[in-house]
């Protein structure tokens, strides 16, 4: 059976500092990444909302045009039938 790899105290102190003060941590790069990705996602959500609204409006207009076309066809057919009867 193999034993897990262990670091001695001497190896750990070379890799991990004994004391890290919060003021020493510079996390501005992390904030920039988080804000950038969040802002990109927010822009996508906004754009998607706008596109969905436009799509809904276009579907409504298309349905209105189909209804007008159907009314036109019906009235035209009725007029042609009436002309045939005369």
C-alpha atoms as a PDB file:
ATOM      1  CA  UNK A   1       0.000   0.000   0.000  1.00  0.00           C
ATOM      2  CA  UNK A   2       1.327   3.431  -0.952  1.00  0.00           C
ATOM      3  CA  UNK A   3       1.482   6.213   1.594  1.00  0.00           C
ATOM      4  CA  UNK A   4       0.213   9.706   0.720  1.00  0.00           C
ATOM      5  CA  UNK A   5       2.750  12.377  -0.132  1.00  0.00           C
ATOM      6  CA  UNK A   6       3.500  14.529   2.907  1.00  0.00           C
ATOM      7  CA  UNK A   7       5.368  17.789   3.206  1.00  0.00           C
ATOM      8  CA  UNK A   8       7.634  18.445   6.097  1.00  0.00           C
ATOM      9  CA  UNK A   9       7.405  21.680   8.091  1.00  0.00           C
ATOM     10  CA  UNK A  10      10.454  22.947   6.275  1.00  0.00           C
ATOM     11  CA  UNK A  11       8.831  22.334   2.818  1.00  0.00           C
ATOM     12  CA  UNK A  12       5.573  24.000   3.883  1.00  0.00           C
ATOM     13  CA  UNK A  13       7.265  27.132   5.174  1.00  0.00           C
ATOM     14  CA  UNK A  14       9.038  27.527   1.846  1.00  0.00           C
ATOM     15  CA  UNK A  15       5.734  27.378  -0.051  1.00  0.00           C
ATOM     16  CA  UNK A  16       3.231  28.980   2.329  1.00  0.00           C
ATOM     17  CA  UNK A  17       4.136  32.141   4.220  1.00  0.00           C
ATOM     18  CA  UNK A  18       3.599  31.911   7.945  1.00  0.00           C
ATOM     19  CA  UNK A  19       1.579  35.102   8.104  1.00  0.00           C
ATOM     20  CA  UNK A  20      -0.505  36.826   5.427  1.00  0.00           C
ATOM     21  CA  UNK A  21      -2.134  40.089   6.345  1.00  0.00           C
ATOM     22  CA  UNK A  22      -5.419  40.951   4.542  1.00  0.00           C
ATOM     23  CA  UNK A  23      -3.968  44.338   3.535  1.00  0.00           C
ATOM     24  CA  UNK A  24      -1.241  42.507   1.650  1.00  0.00           C
ATOM     25  CA  UNK A  25      -3.751  40.675  -0.521  1.00  0.00           C
ATOM     26  CA  UNK A  26      -4.430  42.445  -3.797  1.00  0.00           C
ATOM     27  CA  UNK A  27      -7.701  41.076  -5.144  1.00  0.00           C
ATOM     28  CA  UNK A  28      -8.567  43.914  -7.514  1.00  0.00           C
ATOM     29  CA  UNK A  29      -7.884  41.632 -10.466  1.00  0.00           C
ATOM     30  CA  UNK A  30     -10.507  39.219  -9.130  1.00  0.00           C
ATOM     31  CA  UNK A  31     -13.076  42.003  -8.833  1.00  0.00           C
ATOM     32  CA  UNK A  32     -12.345  43.098 -12.403  1.00  0.00           C
ATOM     33  CA  UNK A  33     -12.909  39.573 -13.670  1.00  0.00           C
ATOM     34  CA  UNK A  34     -16.107  39.135 -11.651  1.00  0.00           C
ATOM     35  CA  UNK A  35     -17.522  42.505 -12.681  1.00  0.00           C
ATOM     36  CA  UNK A  36     -16.577  41.988 -16.302  1.00  0.00           C
ATOM     37  CA  UNK A  37     -18.216  38.568 -16.557  1.00  0.00           C
ATOM     38  CA  UNK A  38     -21.273  39.755 -14.629  1.00  0.00           C
ATOM     39  CA  UNK A  39     -21.642  42.819 -16.834  1.00  0.00           C
ATOM     40  CA  UNK A  40     -21.338  40.688 -19.972  1.00  0.00           C
ATOM     41  CA  UNK A  41     -24.019  38.339 -18.688  1.00  0.00           C
ATOM     42  CA  UNK A  42     -26.247  41.279 -17.759  1.00  0.00           C
ATOM     43  CA  UNK A  43     -25.832  42.734 -21.259  1.00  0.00           C
ATOM     44  CA  UNK A  44     -26.791  39.365 -22.763  1.00  0.00           C
ATOM     45  CA  UNK A  45     -29.894  39.171 -20.573  1.00  0.00           C
ATOM     46  CA  UNK A  46     -30.895  42.724 -21.538  1.00  0.00           C
ATOM     47  CA  UNK A  47     -30.322  42.022 -25.233  1.00  0.00           C
ATOM     48  CA  UNK A  48     -32.253  38.773 -24.999  1.00  0.00           C
ATOM     49  CA  UNK A  49     -35.166  40.596 -23.355  1.00  0.00           C
ATOM     50  CA  UNK A  50     -35.193  43.227 -26.103  1.00  0.00           C
ATOM     51  CA  UNK A  51     -35.024  40.568 -28.825  1.00  0.00           C
ATOM     52  CA  UNK A  52     -37.842  38.582 -27.232  1.00  0.00           C
ATOM     53  CA  UNK A  53     -39.983  41.734 -27.087  1.00  0.00           C
ATOM     54  CA  UNK A  54     -39.246  42.499 -30.754  1.00  0.00           C
ATOM     55  CA  UNK A  55     -39.968  38.899 -31.700  1.00  0.00           C
ATOM     56  CA  UNK A  56     -43.307  39.015 -29.900  1.00  0.00           C
ATOM     57  CA  UNK A  57     -44.221  42.269 -31.677  1.00  0.00           C
ATOM     58  CA  UNK A  58     -43.255  40.836 -35.070  1.00  0.00           C
ATOM     59  CA  UNK A  59     -45.302  37.699 -34.445  1.00  0.00           C
ATOM     60  CA  UNK A  60     -48.297  39.864 -33.554  1.00  0.00           C
ATOM     61  CA  UNK A  61     -47.865  41.919 -36.738  1.00  0.00           C
ATOM     62  CA  UNK A  62     -47.545  38.747 -38.804  1.00  0.00           C
ATOM     63  CA  UNK A  63     -50.713  37.333 -37.274  1.00  0.00           C
ATOM     64  CA  UNK A  64     -52.526  40.605 -38.011  1.00  0.00           C
ATOM     65  CA  UNK A  65     -51.351  40.460 -41.630  1.00  0.00           C
ATOM     66  CA  UNK A  66     -52.501  36.844 -41.942  1.00  0.00           C
ATOM     67  CA  UNK A  67     -55.906  37.817 -40.593  1.00  0.00           C
ATOM     68  CA  UNK A  68     -56.171  40.707 -43.097  1.00  0.00           C
ATOM     69  CA  UNK A  69     -55.154  38.384 -45.931  1.00  0.00           C
ATOM     70  CA  UNK A  70     -57.767  35.842 -44.882  1.00  0.00           C
ATOM     71  CA  UNK A  71     -60.447  38.554 -44.729  1.00  0.00           C
ATOM     72  CA  UNK A  72     -59.386  39.816 -48.166  1.00  0.00           C
ATOM     73  CA  UNK A  73     -59.498  36.313 -49.674  1.00  0.00           C
ATOM     74  CA  UNK A  74     -62.905  35.651 -48.149  1.00  0.00           C
ATOM     75  CA  UNK A  75     -64.398  38.923 -49.408  1.00  0.00           C
ATOM     76  CA  UNK A  76     -62.832  38.469 -52.855  1.00  0.00           C
ATOM     77  CA  UNK A  77     -64.170  34.943 -53.172  1.00  0.00           C
ATOM     78  CA  UNK A  78     -67.594  36.114 -52.057  1.00  0.00           C
ATOM     79  CA  UNK A  79     -67.555  38.919 -54.659  1.00  0.00           C
ATOM     80  CA  UNK A  80     -66.441  36.510 -57.409  1.00  0.00           C
ATOM     81  CA  UNK A  81     -69.177  34.066 -56.466  1.00  0.00           C
ATOM     82  CA  UNK A  82     -71.723  36.877 -56.489  1.00  0.00           C
ATOM     83  CA  UNK A  83     -70.496  37.989 -59.945  1.00  0.00           C
ATOM     84  CA  UNK A  84     -70.834  34.432 -61.284  1.00  0.00           C
ATOM     85  CA  UNK A  85     -74.402  34.197 -60.031  1.00  0.00           C
ATOM     86  CA  UNK A  86     -75.430  37.414 -61.864  1.00  0.00           C
END
